[in-house]
Amino acid sequence: MIFKRKKKEIERLKASFGKEKDDAFKFKLISKYFKNKDNSNSFHVLSDKTCNDLDFEELFMFVDRTSSKVGQQYLYQTLRCMPSDSKATDLNESLIKNLSEDVDFRVKTQMLLEKLKKEDVYYLPSIFQEEHLEPPKWFFAIRLLSFTSLLSILLLPFRPELFLLLIPVFIVNLGIHYWNKRNLYQYVGSIPQLLRLNSIAVQLHKEDRFKEINPDLNAAIQVIDQVRSRMSFFQLEEKIQGDFEVAFWAVLEILKTTFLLEPLLLFGVLKRLNTKRKEIEEVFSFVGQIDVLISIASIRHGLDSYCIPVINDNEVEISSTDVYHPLIDGCVTNSIAVKDKSVLLTGSNMSGKTSFIRTMGLNLITGLTLNTCFAKSMSMPRARIYSAIRISDDLMNDKSYYFEEVLTIKEMIDHSESLTPNLFLLDEIFKGTNTVERISAGKAVLSSLSKNKNIVLVSTHDIELTDMLGDEYELYHFSEIVTDSQIDFDYKLKEGRLKNRNAIRILQINNYPDEVINEAIELSNQLDEIAESNKVRQSLRLASEIV
């Protein structure tokens, strides 16, 4: 029976390699390790705003092929924090290759990691990240009561009257015992999982291929082992706490109450764990990293097209061939090369501008964090990412759409002044204000952002910006084909500015009244004449100034 069950598990793991998970994703718990960790040493930490703009949670659900909750939390941390160098890349790629090609090695590793897939594992980081409970000031009384109980029982055969002392002591102990239950329940899940984590780390570290990740891990493992015997009590509690009817539980509860074992062991263990935070996180990271490497191998196995990016720390250049958005089924691929200039995109709604901007942002993230891009080839700088794509009114704080956008772009301007390369992603800049000021402010801001080794990808409906920014930005556009009865989008990136306008034609296709269509066409022609006249006057003025 055990052999058949194990065989089924092996077949399941083999069959699931390269496929997306069909699990519920509890992001509040998944992000717990990331949110409590000091990430100040990272090259860049993705903001919540950028994550929302780029559909980060959907990306995470796609790339998460981990087997353990530890790996899942470590993957979330990995995706949110870009490393400052590529020192670990060669080792990681070697392990990914081994895990992809050696099926037995991979499945054996996954079976170990799956022992850490209970929900309680999500709380493991609290042991080394959060403040532990402090014993109450009257904790000395707990020791005294425990000693009194022990002494009374030992002397009871010789002094039966001590039974009269034991009864009130037991009643007091009973109150303290159940007072401590709420303290115990905060750790009854995480501490047993720490024992399991340490045990799995021991087994994984025996594998020579994994030892290279952290050759000195045994020292951390041994430090945790020093409190193994005390922590084993919590493992016992975990196994039996669900069944309050069994006789063994009743006997154990009486013993624990009589000698106040739970508060004594709990606060004793917490005191020791408090001095071992670094070692616990070291073991946590070792196991998490292995699970993430399997996840990367699985992602690549399931893709029709991917590449390992070229990350250039000296040149600010983005180049991609047949890049695509991993979350769009049947996504049309595009190619682009950006060097010394930024990119200004024009095109109608739904033509693919925003999706392309997100595509480039997501590929930069996965390229720098997972060393994997969704393209045939891709090169990129080590750049920080900031975005202004999905902006909305903040009614709770009385902030309009335009004011929210102003604050977001102001942060970008502040970041643009640093010497570190940045990738700025903007969709329809300042669309919350009037035309004249939108174009004027948009030009000034986009010129400012593109300085200091920064790359800007921005979309706009304002054709005037293509004239104003032609020297600083490469012009690209998306277009559609409008026939008598329908609109077809090819989602292909094309060089140059958008020349065709189809907004009024689309109204006509959707059966707007003829008088609305005719008036719109007439006004459009008049505005074109005014714009052309303004251009002629401006050219004449410039010519006269030169003369």
Protein backbone atom coordinates (compact mmCIF):
# COMPACT_ATOMS: atom_id res chain seq x y z
CA MET A 1 0.00 0.00 0.00
CA ILE A 2 2.77 2.46 0.95
CA PHE A 3 4.71 1.52 -2.19
CA LYS A 4 1.66 2.17 -4.42
CA ARG A 5 1.02 5.53 -2.76
CA LYS A 6 4.65 6.55 -3.24
CA LYS A 7 4.52 5.45 -6.89
CA LYS A 8 1.43 7.62 -7.45
CA GLU A 9 3.16 10.60 -5.87
CA ILE A 10 6.15 10.15 -8.16
CA GLU A 11 3.93 9.94 -11.24
CA ARG A 12 1.99 13.01 -10.15
CA LEU A 13 5.16 15.05 -9.71
CA LYS A 14 6.50 13.94 -13.09
CA ALA A 15 3.24 14.80 -14.83
CA SER A 16 2.92 18.23 -13.18
CA PHE A 17 6.39 19.41 -14.24
CA GLY A 18 6.02 22.35 -16.59
CA LYS A 19 2.38 22.98 -15.68
CA GLU A 20 0.73 25.76 -13.69
CA LYS A 21 -0.49 25.05 -10.17
CA ASP A 22 -4.18 24.71 -9.47
CA ASP A 23 -4.04 26.02 -5.90
CA ALA A 24 -5.60 28.84 -3.91
CA PHE A 25 -3.11 31.68 -3.43
CA LYS A 26 -3.22 33.40 -0.05
CA PHE A 27 -1.07 36.43 -0.78
CA LYS A 28 -1.33 37.83 2.73
CA LEU A 29 0.55 34.74 3.94
CA ILE A 30 2.72 34.28 0.84
CA SER A 31 4.08 37.83 1.19
CA LYS A 32 4.70 37.50 4.94
CA TYR A 33 8.42 36.78 4.61
CA PHE A 34 8.95 39.62 2.13
CA LYS A 35 7.05 42.25 4.10
CA ASN A 36 8.93 41.61 7.34
CA LYS A 37 12.38 41.28 5.79
CA ASP A 38 14.95 44.07 5.64
CA ASN A 39 15.45 44.44 1.88
CA SER A 40 17.71 47.49 2.04
CA ASN A 41 20.60 45.57 0.46
CA SER A 42 18.62 44.78 -2.69
CA PHE A 43 19.38 46.70 -5.88
CA HIS A 44 15.68 47.53 -6.18
CA VAL A 45 12.43 46.55 -4.45
CA LEU A 46 9.29 46.65 -6.57
CA SER A 47 6.72 49.01 -5.07
CA ASP A 48 3.12 48.01 -4.45
CA LYS A 49 2.14 50.57 -7.10
CA THR A 50 4.31 48.97 -9.77
CA CYS A 51 3.13 45.51 -8.77
CA ASN A 52 -0.46 46.61 -9.22
CA ASP A 53 0.32 48.24 -12.57
CA LEU A 54 2.03 45.13 -13.93
CA ASP A 55 -0.44 42.55 -12.54
CA PHE A 56 2.26 41.12 -10.29
CA GLU A 57 0.01 38.68 -8.46
CA GLU A 58 -1.15 37.15 -11.75
CA LEU A 59 2.49 36.86 -12.82
CA PHE A 60 3.33 35.17 -9.53
CA MET A 61 0.52 32.64 -9.93
CA PHE A 62 1.88 31.81 -13.39
CA VAL A 63 5.53 31.34 -12.38
CA ASP A 64 4.89 29.66 -9.01
CA ARG A 65 5.61 25.94 -9.42
CA THR A 66 7.05 25.49 -5.93
CA SER A 67 6.36 22.41 -3.82
CA SER A 68 6.60 23.98 -0.36
CA LYS A 69 5.24 27.04 1.40
CA VAL A 70 8.85 27.99 2.18
CA GLY A 71 9.65 27.97 -1.53
CA GLN A 72 6.51 29.94 -2.30
CA GLN A 73 7.42 32.68 0.17
CA TYR A 74 11.02 32.71 -1.08
CA LEU A 75 9.85 32.99 -4.69
CA TYR A 76 7.68 35.99 -3.81
CA GLN A 77 10.67 37.60 -2.11
CA THR A 78 12.86 36.82 -5.14
CA LEU A 79 10.45 38.42 -7.62
CA ARG A 80 9.97 41.58 -5.57
CA CYS A 81 13.69 42.21 -4.89
CA MET A 82 16.15 42.63 -7.75
CA PRO A 83 19.73 41.55 -6.93
CA SER A 84 22.63 43.97 -7.25
CA ASP A 85 24.79 41.49 -9.20
CA SER A 86 24.75 38.19 -11.08
CA LYS A 87 27.24 36.30 -8.91
CA ALA A 88 24.93 33.35 -8.23
CA THR A 89 23.78 33.00 -11.85
CA ASP A 90 26.26 30.34 -12.99
CA LEU A 91 25.60 28.08 -10.01
CA ASN A 92 21.84 28.53 -10.30
CA GLU A 93 21.87 27.72 -14.01
CA SER A 94 23.94 24.60 -13.37
CA LEU A 95 21.44 23.40 -10.76
CA ILE A 96 18.46 24.25 -12.98
CA LYS A 97 20.03 22.18 -15.75
CA ASN A 98 20.54 19.23 -13.36
CA LEU A 99 17.00 19.48 -12.02
CA SER A 100 15.58 19.61 -15.55
CA GLU A 101 17.55 16.67 -16.92
CA ASP A 102 17.78 14.36 -13.88
CA VAL A 103 14.14 13.47 -13.27
CA ASP A 104 14.79 11.15 -10.32
CA PHE A 105 16.93 13.80 -8.61
CA ARG A 106 14.22 16.42 -9.11
CA VAL A 107 11.34 14.22 -7.94
CA LYS A 108 13.27 13.07 -4.87
CA THR A 109 13.90 16.72 -3.98
CA GLN A 110 10.25 17.67 -4.56
CA MET A 111 9.03 14.85 -2.32
CA LEU A 112 11.15 16.24 0.51
CA LEU A 113 9.95 19.78 -0.11
CA GLU A 114 6.29 18.71 -0.12
CA LYS A 115 6.63 17.90 3.57
CA LEU A 116 6.59 21.67 4.04
CA LYS A 117 3.30 22.41 2.27
CA LYS A 118 0.98 22.69 5.28
CA GLU A 119 -0.46 26.15 5.88
CA ASP A 120 1.31 26.35 9.26
CA VAL A 121 4.60 26.66 7.35
CA TYR A 122 3.61 30.19 6.29
CA TYR A 123 4.22 31.25 9.90
CA LEU A 124 7.79 29.99 10.01
CA PRO A 125 9.30 33.43 9.21
CA SER A 126 7.70 34.85 12.36
CA ILE A 127 10.22 32.81 14.40
CA PHE A 128 13.18 34.76 13.01
CA GLN A 129 11.52 38.01 11.91
CA GLU A 130 9.08 39.00 14.63
CA GLU A 131 9.47 39.84 18.30
CA HIS A 132 8.83 36.85 20.54
CA LEU A 133 6.58 36.82 23.56
CA GLU A 134 8.28 37.93 26.72
CA PRO A 135 7.63 36.00 29.95
CA PRO A 136 5.45 37.91 32.45
CA LYS A 137 7.11 39.72 35.33
CA TRP A 138 5.66 37.14 37.71
CA PHE A 139 7.25 34.24 35.78
CA PHE A 140 9.27 33.34 38.88
CA ALA A 141 5.94 32.27 40.43
CA ILE A 142 5.48 29.71 37.65
CA ARG A 143 8.83 28.15 38.48
CA LEU A 144 7.95 28.18 42.20
CA LEU A 145 4.53 26.56 41.66
CA SER A 146 6.04 23.91 39.37
CA PHE A 147 8.71 23.10 41.97
CA THR A 148 6.06 23.01 44.74
CA SER A 149 3.99 20.49 42.79
CA LEU A 150 7.00 18.30 42.11
CA LEU A 151 8.19 18.40 45.72
CA SER A 152 4.69 17.71 47.10
CA ILE A 153 4.24 14.64 44.90
CA LEU A 154 7.68 13.29 45.80
CA LEU A 155 7.00 13.72 49.55
CA LEU A 156 3.35 12.61 49.41
CA PRO A 157 4.07 8.96 50.38
CA PHE A 158 5.83 10.22 53.50
CA ARG A 159 3.64 13.23 54.26
CA PRO A 160 0.04 12.50 53.12
CA GLU A 161 -1.15 15.88 54.47
CA LEU A 162 0.74 17.54 51.60
CA PHE A 163 -2.21 16.50 49.45
CA LEU A 164 -4.08 19.45 51.02
CA LEU A 165 -1.36 21.73 49.64
CA LEU A 166 -1.31 20.04 46.26
CA ILE A 167 -5.04 20.66 45.57
CA PRO A 168 -4.97 24.51 45.78
CA VAL A 169 -1.63 24.58 43.93
CA PHE A 170 -3.17 22.49 41.14
CA ILE A 171 -6.15 24.87 40.92
CA VAL A 172 -3.81 27.85 40.59
CA ASN A 173 -1.74 25.94 38.06
CA LEU A 174 -4.88 25.14 36.08
CA GLY A 175 -5.63 28.83 35.70
CA ILE A 176 -2.07 29.61 34.59
CA HIS A 177 -2.05 26.60 32.23
CA TYR A 178 -5.12 27.80 30.32
CA TRP A 179 -4.00 31.41 30.45
CA ASN A 180 -0.88 30.28 28.58
CA LYS A 181 -2.88 28.41 25.91
CA ARG A 182 -3.35 31.57 23.84
CA ASN A 183 0.42 32.09 23.96
CA LEU A 184 1.06 28.49 22.98
CA TYR A 185 -1.29 28.57 19.99
CA GLN A 186 0.81 31.33 18.41
CA TYR A 187 3.72 28.90 18.12
CA VAL A 188 2.18 25.44 18.11
CA GLY A 189 2.18 25.55 14.30
CA SER A 190 5.45 27.30 13.50
CA ILE A 191 7.83 25.62 15.97
CA PRO A 192 7.04 22.05 14.79
CA GLN A 193 7.54 23.26 11.22
CA LEU A 194 10.97 24.58 12.18
CA LEU A 195 11.93 21.08 13.28
CA ARG A 196 10.66 19.72 9.96
CA LEU A 197 12.49 22.45 8.02
CA ASN A 198 15.76 21.65 9.76
CA SER A 199 15.35 17.94 9.12
CA ILE A 200 14.68 18.51 5.41
CA ALA A 201 17.64 20.90 5.16
CA VAL A 202 19.87 18.16 6.59
CA GLN A 203 18.73 15.73 3.89
CA LEU A 204 19.04 18.26 1.07
CA HIS A 205 22.50 19.35 2.18
CA LYS A 206 23.74 15.77 1.91
CA GLU A 207 23.37 16.14 -1.85
CA ASP A 208 26.71 17.41 -3.17
CA ARG A 209 25.05 19.47 -5.89
CA PHE A 210 23.12 21.49 -3.30
CA LYS A 211 26.06 21.97 -0.92
CA GLU A 212 27.47 24.65 -3.22
CA ILE A 213 24.51 26.91 -2.41
CA ASN A 214 25.73 27.21 1.17
CA PRO A 215 28.79 25.10 2.02
CA ASP A 216 28.69 26.20 5.68
CA LEU A 217 25.02 25.39 6.32
CA ASN A 218 25.83 22.55 8.74
CA ALA A 219 26.86 25.10 11.36
CA ALA A 220 23.40 26.69 11.25
CA ILE A 221 21.70 23.29 11.29
CA GLN A 222 23.63 22.26 14.41
CA VAL A 223 22.72 25.49 16.19
CA ILE A 224 19.01 24.77 15.66
CA ASP A 225 19.55 21.16 16.74
CA GLN A 226 20.63 22.43 20.15
CA VAL A 227 16.99 23.12 21.03
CA ARG A 228 15.55 20.12 19.20
CA SER A 229 14.59 18.19 22.36
CA ARG A 230 12.65 21.13 23.83
CA MET A 231 10.94 21.88 20.50
CA SER A 232 9.87 18.23 20.13
CA PHE A 233 7.27 18.89 22.82
CA PHE A 234 5.48 21.27 20.41
CA GLN A 235 5.58 18.63 17.70
CA LEU A 236 3.76 16.28 20.08
CA GLU A 237 1.25 19.01 20.89
CA GLU A 238 0.65 19.61 17.19
CA LYS A 239 -0.15 15.97 16.57
CA ILE A 240 -2.70 15.54 19.36
CA GLN A 241 -4.28 18.94 19.87
CA GLY A 242 -7.07 18.21 17.43
CA ASP A 243 -8.51 15.30 19.39
CA PHE A 244 -9.50 16.30 22.94
CA GLU A 245 -11.30 13.01 23.58
CA VAL A 246 -8.38 10.62 23.70
CA ALA A 247 -7.25 9.36 27.06
CA PHE A 248 -3.63 10.11 26.34
CA TRP A 249 -4.42 13.77 25.86
CA ALA A 250 -6.24 13.86 29.21
CA VAL A 251 -3.33 12.31 31.08
CA LEU A 252 -0.87 14.61 29.34
CA GLU A 253 -2.97 17.69 30.16
CA ILE A 254 -3.01 16.75 33.85
CA LEU A 255 0.78 16.35 33.85
CA LYS A 256 1.31 19.62 31.99
CA THR A 257 -1.03 21.45 34.33
CA THR A 258 0.47 19.98 37.48
CA PHE A 259 4.03 20.94 36.59
CA LEU A 260 3.23 23.96 34.34
CA LEU A 261 5.27 22.37 31.56
CA GLU A 262 3.79 24.46 28.75
CA PRO A 263 4.77 27.96 29.94
CA LEU A 264 8.15 26.72 31.17
CA LEU A 265 8.99 25.06 27.85
CA LEU A 266 7.42 27.78 25.67
CA PHE A 267 9.30 30.72 27.16
CA GLY A 268 12.46 28.64 27.49
CA VAL A 269 12.39 27.73 23.78
CA LEU A 270 11.56 31.30 22.71
CA LYS A 271 14.49 32.64 24.70
CA ARG A 272 16.85 30.25 22.91
CA LEU A 273 15.33 30.83 19.45
CA ASN A 274 15.72 34.56 19.94
CA THR A 275 19.50 34.13 19.75
CA LYS A 276 19.34 31.89 16.66
CA ARG A 277 17.44 34.10 14.19
CA LYS A 278 20.32 34.36 11.70
CA GLU A 279 20.82 30.59 11.58
CA ILE A 280 17.10 29.88 11.17
CA GLU A 281 16.81 32.29 8.24
CA GLU A 282 19.92 30.75 6.71
CA VAL A 283 18.26 27.31 6.72
CA PHE A 284 14.96 28.82 5.50
CA SER A 285 16.72 30.53 2.56
CA PHE A 286 18.64 27.38 1.60
CA VAL A 287 15.47 25.30 1.33
CA GLY A 288 13.54 28.13 -0.33
CA GLN A 289 16.20 28.70 -2.97
CA ILE A 290 16.20 25.03 -3.99
CA ASP A 291 12.42 25.10 -4.41
CA VAL A 292 12.64 28.29 -6.50
CA LEU A 293 15.23 26.69 -8.80
CA ILE A 294 12.87 23.77 -9.42
CA SER A 295 10.11 26.29 -10.10
CA ILE A 296 12.26 28.06 -12.71
CA ALA A 297 13.08 24.72 -14.35
CA SER A 298 9.37 23.91 -14.48
CA ILE A 299 8.46 27.31 -15.98
CA ARG A 300 11.00 26.90 -18.77
CA HIS A 301 9.92 23.33 -19.46
CA GLY A 302 6.34 24.46 -20.03
CA LEU A 303 7.14 27.35 -22.40
CA ASP A 304 7.29 27.20 -26.18
CA SER A 305 9.76 30.07 -26.19
CA TYR A 306 12.03 31.58 -23.55
CA CYS A 307 15.57 32.86 -23.26
CA ILE A 308 18.25 33.56 -20.68
CA PRO A 309 18.79 37.32 -20.87
CA VAL A 310 22.05 39.17 -21.34
CA ILE A 311 22.27 41.56 -18.38
CA ASN A 312 24.56 44.48 -19.10
CA ASP A 313 25.76 46.50 -16.12
CA ASN A 314 27.60 49.01 -18.31
CA GLU A 315 25.23 49.82 -21.17
CA VAL A 316 21.71 51.25 -20.88
CA GLU A 317 20.10 49.36 -23.72
CA ILE A 318 17.05 47.13 -24.10
CA SER A 319 16.85 44.77 -27.04
CA SER A 320 14.35 41.97 -27.51
CA THR A 321 13.40 39.58 -30.28
CA ASP A 322 9.91 38.09 -30.38
CA VAL A 323 9.09 39.18 -26.86
CA TYR A 324 5.61 38.34 -25.51
CA HIS A 325 3.39 38.75 -22.45
CA PRO A 326 3.30 35.43 -20.54
CA LEU A 327 -0.24 35.96 -19.23
CA ILE A 328 -1.90 36.59 -22.61
CA ASP A 329 -2.92 33.41 -24.43
CA GLY A 330 -1.67 33.40 -27.99
CA CYS A 331 0.12 36.69 -27.45
CA VAL A 332 1.49 38.30 -30.61
CA THR A 333 5.27 38.67 -30.36
CA ASN A 334 7.16 41.89 -31.07
CA SER A 335 10.77 42.99 -31.38
CA ILE A 336 12.42 46.24 -30.38
CA ALA A 337 15.86 47.71 -29.77
CA VAL A 338 16.30 50.81 -27.60
CA LYS A 339 19.65 52.52 -27.24
CA ASP A 340 20.38 56.12 -26.26
CA LYS A 341 16.70 56.99 -26.69
CA SER A 342 13.37 56.25 -25.04
CA VAL A 343 10.17 55.03 -26.73
CA LEU A 344 6.97 56.96 -27.47
CA LEU A 345 4.03 54.76 -28.47
CA THR A 346 0.92 55.96 -30.28
CA GLY A 347 -2.18 54.04 -31.31
CA SER A 348 -5.86 53.70 -30.59
CA ASN A 349 -7.39 52.05 -27.55
CA MET A 350 -7.14 48.24 -27.48
CA SER A 351 -4.43 48.25 -30.15
CA GLY A 352 -1.80 46.83 -27.77
CA LYS A 353 0.12 49.85 -26.41
CA THR A 354 -0.41 49.20 -22.69
CA SER A 355 0.04 45.44 -23.04
CA PHE A 356 3.38 46.02 -24.76
CA ILE A 357 4.53 48.37 -21.99
CA ARG A 358 3.57 45.75 -19.40
CA THR A 359 5.30 43.06 -21.48
CA MET A 360 8.60 44.92 -21.34
CA GLY A 361 8.23 45.61 -17.62
CA LEU A 362 7.43 42.01 -16.72
CA ASN A 363 10.31 40.67 -18.82
CA LEU A 364 12.74 43.01 -17.12
CA ILE A 365 11.51 41.75 -13.74
CA THR A 366 11.76 38.04 -14.57
CA GLY A 367 15.03 38.61 -16.40
CA LEU A 368 16.72 40.23 -13.42
CA THR A 369 15.19 37.95 -10.76
CA LEU A 370 14.64 34.54 -12.41
CA ASN A 371 17.16 34.88 -15.26
CA THR A 372 14.32 34.00 -17.61
CA CYS A 373 12.62 36.09 -20.29
CA PHE A 374 9.59 35.38 -22.44
CA ALA A 375 11.31 36.04 -25.77
CA LYS A 376 13.67 34.43 -28.29
CA SER A 377 16.42 36.75 -27.12
CA MET A 378 16.68 39.72 -24.79
CA SER A 379 19.35 42.01 -23.40
CA MET A 380 18.74 44.56 -20.67
CA PRO A 381 20.46 46.86 -18.20
CA ARG A 382 20.26 46.36 -14.45
CA ALA A 383 17.59 49.01 -14.01
CA ARG A 384 15.02 49.96 -11.42
CA ILE A 385 11.38 49.92 -12.53
CA TYR A 386 8.74 52.57 -11.80
CA SER A 387 5.32 52.87 -13.39
CA ALA A 388 2.26 55.05 -13.81
CA ILE A 389 -0.23 52.84 -15.62
CA ARG A 390 -3.19 51.95 -13.44
CA ILE A 391 -4.08 55.17 -11.62
CA SER A 392 -7.45 55.85 -9.96
CA ASP A 393 -9.10 58.36 -7.68
CA ASP A 394 -8.30 57.98 -3.98
CA LEU A 395 -11.67 58.96 -2.53
CA MET A 396 -10.73 57.93 1.01
CA ASN A 397 -7.92 60.51 1.05
CA ASP A 398 -9.76 63.07 -1.11
CA LYS A 399 -7.31 62.81 -4.04
CA SER A 400 -8.45 63.10 -7.66
CA TYR A 401 -7.16 60.99 -10.56
CA TYR A 402 -4.96 63.87 -11.76
CA PHE A 403 -3.51 64.53 -8.31
CA GLU A 404 -2.68 60.83 -7.86
CA GLU A 405 -0.90 60.88 -11.23
CA VAL A 406 0.98 64.07 -10.31
CA LEU A 407 2.31 62.48 -7.11
CA THR A 408 3.30 59.26 -8.90
CA ILE A 409 5.20 61.05 -11.66
CA LYS A 410 6.86 63.39 -9.17
CA GLU A 411 8.39 60.30 -7.52
CA MET A 412 9.66 59.23 -10.93
CA ILE A 413 11.31 62.62 -11.49
CA ASP A 414 13.01 62.33 -8.09
CA HIS A 415 14.33 58.84 -8.95
CA SER A 416 15.43 59.94 -12.44
CA GLU A 417 18.08 62.22 -10.97
CA SER A 418 20.10 59.33 -9.54
CA LEU A 419 23.02 57.76 -11.40
CA THR A 420 21.33 54.35 -11.36
CA PRO A 421 19.52 53.44 -14.61
CA ASN A 422 15.71 53.44 -14.40
CA LEU A 423 12.96 52.07 -16.59
CA PHE A 424 9.89 54.32 -16.44
CA LEU A 425 6.59 52.91 -17.71
CA LEU A 426 3.77 55.39 -18.36
CA ASP A 427 0.39 54.99 -20.00
CA GLU A 428 -1.29 58.11 -21.47
CA ILE A 429 0.50 60.69 -19.35
CA PHE A 430 -1.64 63.38 -17.66
CA LYS A 431 -4.86 62.22 -19.30
CA GLY A 432 -6.73 63.63 -16.31
CA THR A 433 -6.31 67.26 -17.38
CA ASN A 434 -6.99 69.61 -20.33
CA THR A 435 -5.35 69.19 -23.73
CA VAL A 436 -3.05 72.24 -23.79
CA GLU A 437 -1.58 71.66 -20.33
CA ARG A 438 -1.47 67.89 -20.82
CA ILE A 439 0.71 68.25 -23.91
CA SER A 440 2.86 70.99 -22.41
CA ALA A 441 3.44 69.24 -19.08
CA GLY A 442 3.78 65.86 -20.78
CA LYS A 443 6.57 67.09 -23.06
CA ALA A 444 8.47 68.72 -20.20
CA VAL A 445 8.17 65.68 -17.92
CA LEU A 446 9.08 63.14 -20.61
CA SER A 447 12.16 65.16 -21.59
CA SER A 448 13.23 65.27 -17.95
CA LEU A 449 12.68 61.54 -17.33
CA SER A 450 14.71 60.46 -20.38
CA LYS A 451 17.94 62.04 -19.08
CA ASN A 452 20.64 60.44 -16.87
CA LYS A 453 20.75 56.96 -18.45
CA ASN A 454 17.02 56.39 -18.02
CA ILE A 455 14.72 54.59 -20.46
CA VAL A 456 11.09 55.66 -20.76
CA LEU A 457 8.31 53.63 -22.38
CA VAL A 458 5.25 55.83 -22.70
CA SER A 459 2.00 55.68 -24.64
CA THR A 460 -0.05 58.68 -25.73
CA HIS A 461 -2.97 59.76 -27.90
CA ASP A 462 -1.43 63.21 -28.29
CA ILE A 463 0.16 63.20 -31.75
CA GLU A 464 1.65 66.62 -30.96
CA LEU A 465 4.11 64.93 -28.60
CA THR A 466 5.61 62.98 -31.50
CA ASP A 467 6.69 66.29 -33.06
CA MET A 468 8.03 67.71 -29.81
CA LEU A 469 9.95 64.62 -28.68
CA GLY A 470 11.31 63.33 -31.98
CA ASP A 471 14.93 64.02 -31.01
CA GLU A 472 14.72 62.29 -27.63
CA TYR A 473 12.34 59.40 -28.31
CA GLU A 474 12.09 56.66 -30.89
CA LEU A 475 8.56 56.70 -32.32
CA TYR A 476 6.55 53.50 -32.59
CA HIS A 477 2.86 52.80 -33.03
CA PHE A 478 0.16 50.16 -33.03
CA SER A 479 -2.63 50.34 -35.57
CA GLU A 480 -5.84 48.60 -36.60
CA ILE A 481 -7.63 47.81 -39.84
CA VAL A 482 -11.14 49.25 -40.06
CA THR A 483 -13.44 47.72 -42.68
CA ASP A 484 -17.09 48.42 -43.40
CA SER A 485 -18.34 46.45 -40.43
CA GLN A 486 -15.49 45.59 -38.08
CA ILE A 487 -12.18 46.53 -36.53
CA ASP A 488 -9.21 44.17 -36.66
CA PHE A 489 -6.10 44.58 -34.51
CA ASP A 490 -2.85 42.90 -35.49
CA TYR A 491 -1.03 43.95 -32.23
CA LYS A 492 2.23 44.38 -34.15
CA LEU A 493 4.66 47.10 -33.17
CA LYS A 494 5.48 49.38 -36.09
CA GLU A 495 8.13 52.05 -36.45
CA GLY A 496 7.22 55.72 -36.81
CA ARG A 497 4.25 57.78 -35.71
CA LEU A 498 0.62 56.79 -36.17
CA LYS A 499 -0.72 58.33 -39.38
CA ASN A 500 -4.28 57.03 -39.51
CA ARG A 501 -7.11 58.12 -37.25
CA ASN A 502 -10.11 55.84 -36.92
CA ALA A 503 -11.99 57.03 -33.84
CA ILE A 504 -14.91 58.60 -35.74
CA ARG A 505 -15.04 55.64 -38.14
CA ILE A 506 -15.39 53.31 -35.16
CA LEU A 507 -18.34 55.41 -33.94
CA GLN A 508 -19.91 55.00 -37.37
CA ILE A 509 -19.44 51.22 -37.34
CA ASN A 510 -21.23 51.12 -33.99
CA ASN A 511 -24.30 52.87 -35.48
CA TYR A 512 -23.96 56.35 -34.00
CA PRO A 513 -26.54 58.78 -35.47
CA ASP A 514 -25.57 60.34 -38.82
CA GLU A 515 -25.84 63.88 -37.45
CA VAL A 516 -23.30 63.02 -34.72
CA ILE A 517 -20.91 61.49 -37.25
CA ASN A 518 -21.22 64.35 -39.74
CA GLU A 519 -20.66 67.02 -37.09
CA ALA A 520 -17.64 65.14 -35.71
CA ILE A 521 -16.08 64.90 -39.18
CA GLU A 522 -16.67 68.58 -39.86
CA LEU A 523 -15.14 69.66 -36.54
CA SER A 524 -12.20 67.31 -37.05
CA ASN A 525 -11.44 68.89 -40.42
CA GLN A 526 -11.65 72.39 -38.94
CA LEU A 527 -9.26 71.46 -36.10
CA ASP A 528 -6.83 69.96 -38.62
CA GLU A 529 -6.86 73.21 -40.59
CA ILE A 530 -6.19 75.24 -37.44
CA ALA A 531 -3.35 72.92 -36.43
CA GLU A 532 -1.80 73.11 -39.89
CA SER A 533 -2.11 76.89 -39.91
CA ASN A 534 -0.39 77.06 -36.52
CA LYS A 535 2.45 74.92 -37.82
CA VAL A 536 2.97 77.24 -40.81
CA ARG A 537 3.02 80.33 -38.57
CA GLN A 538 5.46 78.66 -36.20
CA SER A 539 7.78 77.73 -39.08
CA LEU A 540 7.70 81.28 -40.46
CA ARG A 541 8.47 82.72 -37.01
CA LEU A 542 11.43 80.37 -36.56
CA ALA A 543 12.71 81.25 -40.03
CA SER A 544 12.49 84.98 -39.30
CA GLU A 545 14.35 84.51 -36.01
CA ILE A 546 17.16 82.70 -37.81
CA VAL A 547 17.41 85.49 -40.41
